[in-house]
PDB file of N, CA and C in Angstrom:
ATOM      1  N   MET A   1     -50.207 -10.507  44.823  1.00  0.00           N
ATOM      2  CA  MET A   1     -49.415 -11.062  44.002  1.00  0.00           C
ATOM      3  C   MET A   1     -49.520 -11.339  42.422  1.00  0.00           C
ATOM      4  N   VAL A   2     -50.029 -10.575  41.886  1.00  0.00           N
ATOM      5  CA  VAL A   2     -50.212 -10.719  40.576  1.00  0.00           C
ATOM      6  C   VAL A   2     -49.148  -9.229  40.038  1.00  0.00           C
ATOM      7  N   ASP A   3     -48.868  -8.425  40.894  1.00  0.00           N
ATOM      8  CA  ASP A   3     -47.316  -7.716  40.513  1.00  0.00           C
ATOM      9  C   ASP A   3     -46.423  -8.261  40.629  1.00  0.00           C
ATOM     10  N   GLU A   4     -46.345  -9.367  41.597  1.00  0.00           N
ATOM     11  CA  GLU A   4     -44.981 -10.194  41.484  1.00  0.00           C
ATOM     12  C   GLU A   4     -43.980 -10.979  40.268  1.00  0.00           C
ATOM     13  N   PRO A   5     -45.316 -11.670  39.582  1.00  0.00           N
ATOM     14  CA  PRO A   5     -44.205 -12.492  38.192  1.00  0.00           C
ATOM     15  C   PRO A   5     -43.708 -11.143  37.148  1.00  0.00           C
ATOM     16  N   ASP A   6     -44.563 -10.373  37.354  1.00  0.00           N
ATOM     17  CA  ASP A   6     -44.233  -8.643  36.334  1.00  0.00           C
ATOM     18  C   ASP A   6     -42.791  -8.506  37.181  1.00  0.00           C
ATOM     19  N   ASP A   7     -42.966  -8.158  38.418  1.00  0.00           N
ATOM     20  CA  ASP A   7     -41.488  -7.844  39.083  1.00  0.00           C
ATOM     21  C   ASP A   7     -40.378  -8.833  38.544  1.00  0.00           C
ATOM     22  N   LEU A   8     -40.655  -9.995  38.585  1.00  0.00           N
ATOM     23  CA  LEU A   8     -39.758 -11.098  38.050  1.00  0.00           C
ATOM     24  C   LEU A   8     -39.089 -10.850  36.535  1.00  0.00           C
ATOM     25  N   VAL A   9     -40.118 -10.711  35.442  1.00  0.00           N
ATOM     26  CA  VAL A   9     -39.738 -10.502  34.173  1.00  0.00           C
ATOM     27  C   VAL A   9     -39.178  -9.182  34.232  1.00  0.00           C
ATOM     28  N   LEU A  10     -39.491  -8.198  34.795  1.00  0.00           N
ATOM     29  CA  LEU A  10     -38.641  -7.004  34.399  1.00  0.00           C
ATOM     30  C   LEU A  10     -37.246  -7.131  35.339  1.00  0.00           C
ATOM     31  N   ARG A  11     -36.709  -7.853  35.919  1.00  0.00           N
ATOM     32  CA  ARG A  11     -35.692  -8.140  37.127  1.00  0.00           C
ATOM     33  C   ARG A  11     -34.937  -8.452  35.810  1.00  0.00           C
ATOM     34  N   TYR A  12     -35.339  -9.857  34.824  1.00  0.00           N
ATOM     35  CA  TYR A  12     -34.673 -10.590  34.164  1.00  0.00           C
ATOM     36  C   TYR A  12     -34.698  -9.846  33.027  1.00  0.00           C
ATOM     37  N   LEU A  13     -35.485  -9.113  32.583  1.00  0.00           N
ATOM     38  CA  LEU A  13     -35.030  -7.875  31.422  1.00  0.00           C
ATOM     39  C   LEU A  13     -34.088  -7.077  31.347  1.00  0.00           C
ATOM     40  N   ARG A  14     -33.891  -6.205  32.668  1.00  0.00           N
ATOM     41  CA  ARG A  14     -33.214  -5.600  32.999  1.00  0.00           C
ATOM     42  C   ARG A  14     -31.637  -6.117  33.168  1.00  0.00           C
ATOM     43  N   GLN A  15     -31.776  -7.658  33.930  1.00  0.00           N
ATOM     44  CA  GLN A  15     -30.504  -8.047  33.711  1.00  0.00           C
ATOM     45  C   GLN A  15     -29.776  -8.462  32.304  1.00  0.00           C
ATOM     46  N   ILE A  16     -30.888  -8.706  31.258  1.00  0.00           N
ATOM     47  CA  ILE A  16     -30.427  -8.826  29.995  1.00  0.00           C
ATOM     48  C   ILE A  16     -29.854  -7.787  29.405  1.00  0.00           C
ATOM     49  N   ASP A  17     -30.948  -6.815  29.381  1.00  0.00           N
ATOM     50  CA  ASP A  17     -30.132  -5.455  29.237  1.00  0.00           C
ATOM     51  C   ASP A  17     -29.009  -5.047  29.822  1.00  0.00           C
ATOM     52  N   GLN A  18     -28.423  -5.390  30.895  1.00  0.00           N
ATOM     53  CA  GLN A  18     -27.138  -4.850  31.119  1.00  0.00           C
ATOM     54  C   GLN A  18     -26.320  -5.787  30.602  1.00  0.00           C
ATOM     55  N   LYS A  19     -26.531  -6.917  30.156  1.00  0.00           N
ATOM     56  CA  LYS A  19     -25.588  -8.188  29.491  1.00  0.00           C
ATOM     57  C   LYS A  19     -25.474  -7.665  28.353  1.00  0.00           C
ATOM     58  N   ILE A  20     -26.504  -7.238  27.401  1.00  0.00           N
ATOM     59  CA  ILE A  20     -26.614  -6.812  25.734  1.00  0.00           C
ATOM     60  C   ILE A  20     -25.134  -5.493  26.095  1.00  0.00           C
ATOM     61  N   ASP A  21     -25.752  -4.796  26.855  1.00  0.00           N
ATOM     62  CA  ASP A  21     -24.911  -3.536  27.052  1.00  0.00           C
ATOM     63  C   ASP A  21     -23.274  -3.595  26.893  1.00  0.00           C
ATOM     64  N   ASN A  22     -23.292  -4.668  28.191  1.00  0.00           N
ATOM     65  CA  ASN A  22     -21.849  -5.373  28.400  1.00  0.00           C
ATOM     66  C   ASN A  22     -21.025  -5.884  27.162  1.00  0.00           C
ATOM     67  N   VAL A  23     -21.700  -6.450  26.739  1.00  0.00           N
ATOM     68  CA  VAL A  23     -21.190  -7.158  25.156  1.00  0.00           C
ATOM     69  C   VAL A  23     -21.118  -6.267  24.181  1.00  0.00           C
ATOM     70  N   ALA A  24     -22.534  -4.990  23.855  1.00  0.00           N
ATOM     71  CA  ALA A  24     -21.945  -3.697  23.148  1.00  0.00           C
ATOM     72  C   ALA A  24     -20.650  -3.498  23.419  1.00  0.00           C
ATOM     73  N   GLU A  25     -20.537  -2.953  24.853  1.00  0.00           N
ATOM     74  CA  GLU A  25     -19.331  -2.019  24.956  1.00  0.00           C
ATOM     75  C   GLU A  25     -17.786  -2.952  24.634  1.00  0.00           C
ATOM     76  N   GLU A  26     -17.978  -4.193  25.158  1.00  0.00           N
ATOM     77  CA  GLU A  26     -16.691  -5.227  24.325  1.00  0.00           C
ATOM     78  C   GLU A  26     -16.443  -5.262  23.034  1.00  0.00           C
ATOM     79  N   VAL A  27     -17.739  -4.973  22.317  1.00  0.00           N
ATOM     80  CA  VAL A  27     -17.313  -5.114  20.965  1.00  0.00           C
ATOM     81  C   VAL A  27     -17.409  -3.588  20.134  1.00  0.00           C
ATOM     82  N   LYS A  28     -17.404  -2.505  20.849  1.00  0.00           N
ATOM     83  CA  LYS A  28     -16.977  -1.120  20.590  1.00  0.00           C
ATOM     84  C   LYS A  28     -15.091  -1.197  20.883  1.00  0.00           C
ATOM     85  N   GLU A  29     -15.122  -1.466  21.893  1.00  0.00           N
ATOM     86  CA  GLU A  29     -13.744  -1.965  22.214  1.00  0.00           C
ATOM     87  C   GLU A  29     -12.499  -2.542  21.254  1.00  0.00           C
ATOM     88  N   SER A  30     -13.583  -3.536  20.809  1.00  0.00           N
ATOM     89  CA  SER A  30     -12.796  -4.715  20.658  1.00  0.00           C
ATOM     90  C   SER A  30     -12.291  -3.921  18.769  1.00  0.00           C
ATOM     91  N   LYS A  31     -13.524  -3.362  18.447  1.00  0.00           N
ATOM     92  CA  LYS A  31     -13.239  -2.718  16.909  1.00  0.00           C
ATOM     93  C   LYS A  31     -12.266  -1.391  16.996  1.00  0.00           C
ATOM     94  N   VAL A  32     -12.090  -0.713  18.224  1.00  0.00           N
ATOM     95  CA  VAL A  32     -11.046   0.179  18.550  1.00  0.00           C
ATOM     96  C   VAL A  32      -9.725  -0.447  17.924  1.00  0.00           C
ATOM     97  N   ARG A  33      -9.933  -1.783  19.232  1.00  0.00           N
ATOM     98  CA  ARG A  33      -8.432  -2.039  18.889  1.00  0.00           C
ATOM     99  C   ARG A  33      -7.779  -2.706  17.729  1.00  0.00           C
ATOM    100  N   VAL A  34      -8.918  -3.706  17.196  1.00  0.00           N
ATOM    101  CA  VAL A  34      -8.661  -4.017  15.789  1.00  0.00           C
ATOM    102  C   VAL A  34      -8.318  -2.927  14.896  1.00  0.00           C
ATOM    103  N   GLY A  35      -9.047  -1.807  14.639  1.00  0.00           N
ATOM    104  CA  GLY A  35      -8.391  -0.539  13.847  1.00  0.00           C
ATOM    105  C   GLY A  35      -6.934  -0.189  13.841  1.00  0.00           C
ATOM    106  N   ARG A  36      -6.467  -0.306  15.182  1.00  0.00           N
ATOM    107  CA  ARG A  36      -5.400   0.274  16.179  1.00  0.00           C
ATOM    108  C   ARG A  36      -4.209  -1.246  15.531  1.00  0.00           C
ATOM    109  N   VAL A  37      -4.462  -2.204  15.260  1.00  0.00           N
ATOM    110  CA  VAL A  37      -3.931  -3.495  14.969  1.00  0.00           C
ATOM    111  C   VAL A  37      -3.765  -3.193  13.295  1.00  0.00           C
ATOM    112  N   GLU A  38      -5.067  -2.603  12.268  1.00  0.00           N
ATOM    113  CA  GLU A  38      -4.913  -2.483  11.280  1.00  0.00           C
ATOM    114  C   GLU A  38      -4.246  -0.994  10.879  1.00  0.00           C
ATOM    115  N   THR A  39      -4.166  -0.182  11.744  1.00  0.00           N
ATOM    116  CA  THR A  39      -3.120   0.763  11.303  1.00  0.00           C
ATOM    117  C   THR A  39      -1.409   0.503  11.415  1.00  0.00           C
ATOM    118  N   SER A  40      -1.499  -0.057  12.735  1.00  0.00           N
ATOM    119  CA  SER A  40       0.183  -0.594  12.675  1.00  0.00           C
ATOM    120  C   SER A  40       0.683  -1.392  11.901  1.00  0.00           C
ATOM    121  N   LEU A  41      -0.083  -2.103  11.314  1.00  0.00           N
ATOM    122  CA  LEU A  41       0.088  -2.968  10.002  1.00  0.00           C
ATOM    123  C   LEU A  41       0.375  -2.310   9.020  1.00  0.00           C
ATOM    124  N   ALA A  42      -0.589  -1.014   8.513  1.00  0.00           N
ATOM    125  CA  ALA A  42      -0.067  -0.743   7.645  1.00  0.00           C
ATOM    126  C   ALA A  42       1.232   0.027   7.221  1.00  0.00           C
ATOM    127  N   GLN A  43       1.473   0.602   8.832  1.00  0.00           N
ATOM    128  CA  GLN A  43       3.029   1.218   8.606  1.00  0.00           C
ATOM    129  C   GLN A  43       3.837   0.330   8.765  1.00  0.00           C
ATOM    130  N   VAL A  44       3.712  -0.987   9.201  1.00  0.00           N
ATOM    131  CA  VAL A  44       4.793  -2.006   8.884  1.00  0.00           C
ATOM    132  C   VAL A  44       5.193  -2.297   7.229  1.00  0.00           C
ATOM    133  N   GLN A  45       3.815  -2.526   6.591  1.00  0.00           N
ATOM    134  CA  GLN A  45       3.806  -2.706   5.228  1.00  0.00           C
ATOM    135  C   GLN A  45       4.602  -1.708   4.520  1.00  0.00           C
ATOM    136  N   VAL A  46       4.367  -0.164   4.953  1.00  0.00           N
ATOM    137  CA  VAL A  46       4.946   0.923   4.609  1.00  0.00           C
ATOM    138  C   VAL A  46       6.389   0.737   4.123  1.00  0.00           C
ATOM    139  N   HIS A  47       6.757   0.387   5.521  1.00  0.00           N
ATOM    140  CA  HIS A  47       7.981   0.435   6.452  1.00  0.00           C
ATOM    141  C   HIS A  47       9.034  -1.163   5.537  1.00  0.00           C
ATOM    142  N   LEU A  48       8.144  -1.565   5.532  1.00  0.00           N
ATOM    143  CA  LEU A  48       8.841  -3.033   4.963  1.00  0.00           C
ATOM    144  C   LEU A  48       8.812  -2.510   3.320  1.00  0.00           C
ATOM    145  N   ALA A  49       8.000  -2.130   2.678  1.00  0.00           N
ATOM    146  CA  ALA A  49       8.400  -1.693   1.081  1.00  0.00           C
ATOM    147  C   ALA A  49       9.823  -0.645   1.152  1.00  0.00           C
ATOM    148  N   GLU A  50       9.554   0.500   1.898  1.00  0.00           N
ATOM    149  CA  GLU A  50      10.989   1.366   2.030  1.00  0.00           C
ATOM    150  C   GLU A  50      12.267   0.753   2.223  1.00  0.00           C
ATOM    151  N   HIS A  51      12.118  -0.548   2.534  1.00  0.00           N
ATOM    152  CA  HIS A  51      12.978  -1.359   2.944  1.00  0.00           C
ATOM    153  C   HIS A  51      13.697  -2.215   1.642  1.00  0.00           C
ATOM    154  N   SER A  52      12.419  -2.630   1.573  1.00  0.00           N
ATOM    155  CA  SER A  52      12.435  -3.467  -0.089  1.00  0.00           C
ATOM    156  C   SER A  52      13.235  -2.568  -1.369  1.00  0.00           C
ATOM    157  N   VAL A  53      12.346  -1.284  -1.558  1.00  0.00           N
ATOM    158  CA  VAL A  53      13.569  -0.435  -2.220  1.00  0.00           C
ATOM    159  C   VAL A  53      14.990  -0.337  -1.910  1.00  0.00           C
ATOM    160  N   ARG A  54      15.171  -0.010  -0.485  1.00  0.00           N
ATOM    161  CA  ARG A  54      16.789   0.050  -0.379  1.00  0.00           C
ATOM    162  C   ARG A  54      17.403  -1.092  -1.024  1.00  0.00           C
ATOM    163  N   MET A  55      16.934  -2.381  -0.478  1.00  0.00           N
ATOM    164  CA  MET A  55      17.313  -3.834  -0.597  1.00  0.00           C
ATOM    165  C   MET A  55      17.911  -3.466  -2.156  1.00  0.00           C
ATOM    166  N   ASP A  56      16.497  -3.281  -3.031  1.00  0.00           N
ATOM    167  CA  ASP A  56      16.840  -3.318  -4.552  1.00  0.00           C
ATOM    168  C   ASP A  56      18.381  -2.546  -4.927  1.00  0.00           C
ATOM    169  N   LYS A  57      18.004  -1.075  -4.088  1.00  0.00           N
ATOM    170  CA  LYS A  57      19.635  -0.295  -4.434  1.00  0.00           C
ATOM    171  C   LYS A  57      20.948  -1.220  -3.878  1.00  0.00           C
ATOM    172  N   ILE A  58      20.794  -1.591  -3.126  1.00  0.00           N
ATOM    173  CA  ILE A  58      22.052  -2.262  -2.573  1.00  0.00           C
ATOM    174  C   ILE A  58      22.195  -3.435  -3.580  1.00  0.00           C
ATOM    175  N   ASP A  59      21.368  -3.964  -3.416  1.00  0.00           N
ATOM    176  CA  ASP A  59      21.609  -5.394  -4.930  1.00  0.00           C
ATOM    177  C   ASP A  59      22.337  -4.498  -6.450  1.00  0.00           C
ATOM    178  N   SER A  60      21.708  -3.191  -7.009  1.00  0.00           N
ATOM    179  CA  SER A  60      22.080  -3.058  -8.114  1.00  0.00           C
ATOM    180  C   SER A  60      23.836  -2.510  -7.844  1.00  0.00           C
ATOM    181  N   ARG A  61      23.736  -1.535  -6.423  1.00  0.00           N
ATOM    182  CA  ARG A  61      25.005  -0.873  -6.239  1.00  0.00           C
ATOM    183  C   ARG A  61      25.991  -2.056  -5.901  1.00  0.00           C
ATOM    184  N   LEU A  62      25.796  -3.218  -5.307  1.00  0.00           N
ATOM    185  CA  LEU A  62      26.640  -4.303  -5.134  1.00  0.00           C
ATOM    186  C   LEU A  62      27.161  -5.023  -6.737  1.00  0.00           C
ATOM    187  N   ASP A  63      26.311  -4.942  -7.748  1.00  0.00           N
ATOM    188  CA  ASP A  63      26.488  -5.553  -8.512  1.00  0.00           C
ATOM    189  C   ASP A  63      27.314  -4.716  -9.667  1.00  0.00           C
ATOM    190  N   ARG A  64      27.311  -3.256  -9.360  1.00  0.00           N
ATOM    191  CA  ARG A  64      28.099  -2.459 -10.293  1.00  0.00           C
ATOM    192  C   ARG A  64      29.597  -2.800  -9.422  1.00  0.00           C
ATOM    193  N   ILE A  65      29.487  -2.524  -8.387  1.00  0.00           N
ATOM    194  CA  ILE A  65      31.004  -2.654  -7.693  1.00  0.00           C
ATOM    195  C   ILE A  65      31.451  -4.249  -8.278  1.00  0.00           C
ATOM    196  N   GLU A  66      30.874  -5.484  -8.267  1.00  0.00           N
ATOM    197  CA  GLU A  66      31.236  -6.593  -8.618  1.00  0.00           C
ATOM    198  C   GLU A  66      31.862  -6.283 -10.200  1.00  0.00           C
ATOM    199  N   ARG A  67      31.044  -5.779 -10.626  1.00  0.00           N
ATOM    200  CA  ARG A  67      31.477  -5.262 -12.246  1.00  0.00           C
ATOM    201  C   ARG A  67      32.814  -4.735 -12.725  1.00  0.00           C
ATOM    202  N   ARG A  68      32.735  -3.794 -11.971  1.00  0.00           N
ATOM    203  CA  ARG A  68      34.010  -2.750 -11.768  1.00  0.00           C
ATOM    204  C   ARG A  68      35.278  -3.708 -11.082  1.00  0.00           C
ATOM    205  N   LEU A  69      35.132  -4.668 -10.024  1.00  0.00           N
ATOM    206  CA  LEU A  69      36.126  -5.300  -9.456  1.00  0.00           C
ATOM    207  C   LEU A  69      36.796  -6.190 -10.556  1.00  0.00           C
ATOM    208  N   THR A  70      36.025  -6.658 -11.301  1.00  0.00           N
ATOM    209  CA  THR A  70      36.269  -8.168 -12.101  1.00  0.00           C
ATOM    210  C   THR A  70      36.719  -6.795 -13.344  1.00  0.00           C
ATOM    211  N   LEU A  71      36.633  -5.847 -13.688  1.00  0.00           N
ATOM    212  CA  LEU A  71      37.516  -4.839 -14.852  1.00  0.00           C
ATOM    213  C   LEU A  71      38.603  -4.553 -14.327  1.00  0.00           C
ATOM    214  N   THR A  72      38.319  -4.177 -13.026  1.00  0.00           N
ATOM    215  CA  THR A  72      39.823  -3.761 -12.747  1.00  0.00           C
ATOM    216  C   THR A  72      40.898  -4.851 -12.690  1.00  0.00           C
ATOM    217  N   ASP A  73      40.383  -6.074 -12.248  1.00  0.00           N
ATOM    218  CA  ASP A  73      41.664  -7.192 -12.242  1.00  0.00           C
ATOM    219  C   ASP A  73      41.747  -7.881 -13.358  1.00  0.00           C
ATOM    220  N   ALA A  74      40.981  -7.489 -14.384  1.00  0.00           N
ATOM    221  CA  ALA A  74      40.892  -8.315 -16.026  1.00  0.00           C
ATOM    222  C   ALA A  74      42.413  -6.775 -16.464  1.00  0.00           C
TER     223      ALA A  74
END
């Protein structure tokens, strides 16, 4: 009879240990996924920055074209 409570406590401790292991694994997987999202977001930001520079160039070129057209009309 004395061994029975110890076995019960050990059983619960093992269950708790297993649940903690599961949570730790899920946290580890979440960290990997968040890291991938951060990497993808950084790539998108770089891509957008490149397009922003291109748009600036397009704006300046369009301004030049408009000035030339008004000079041609005059």
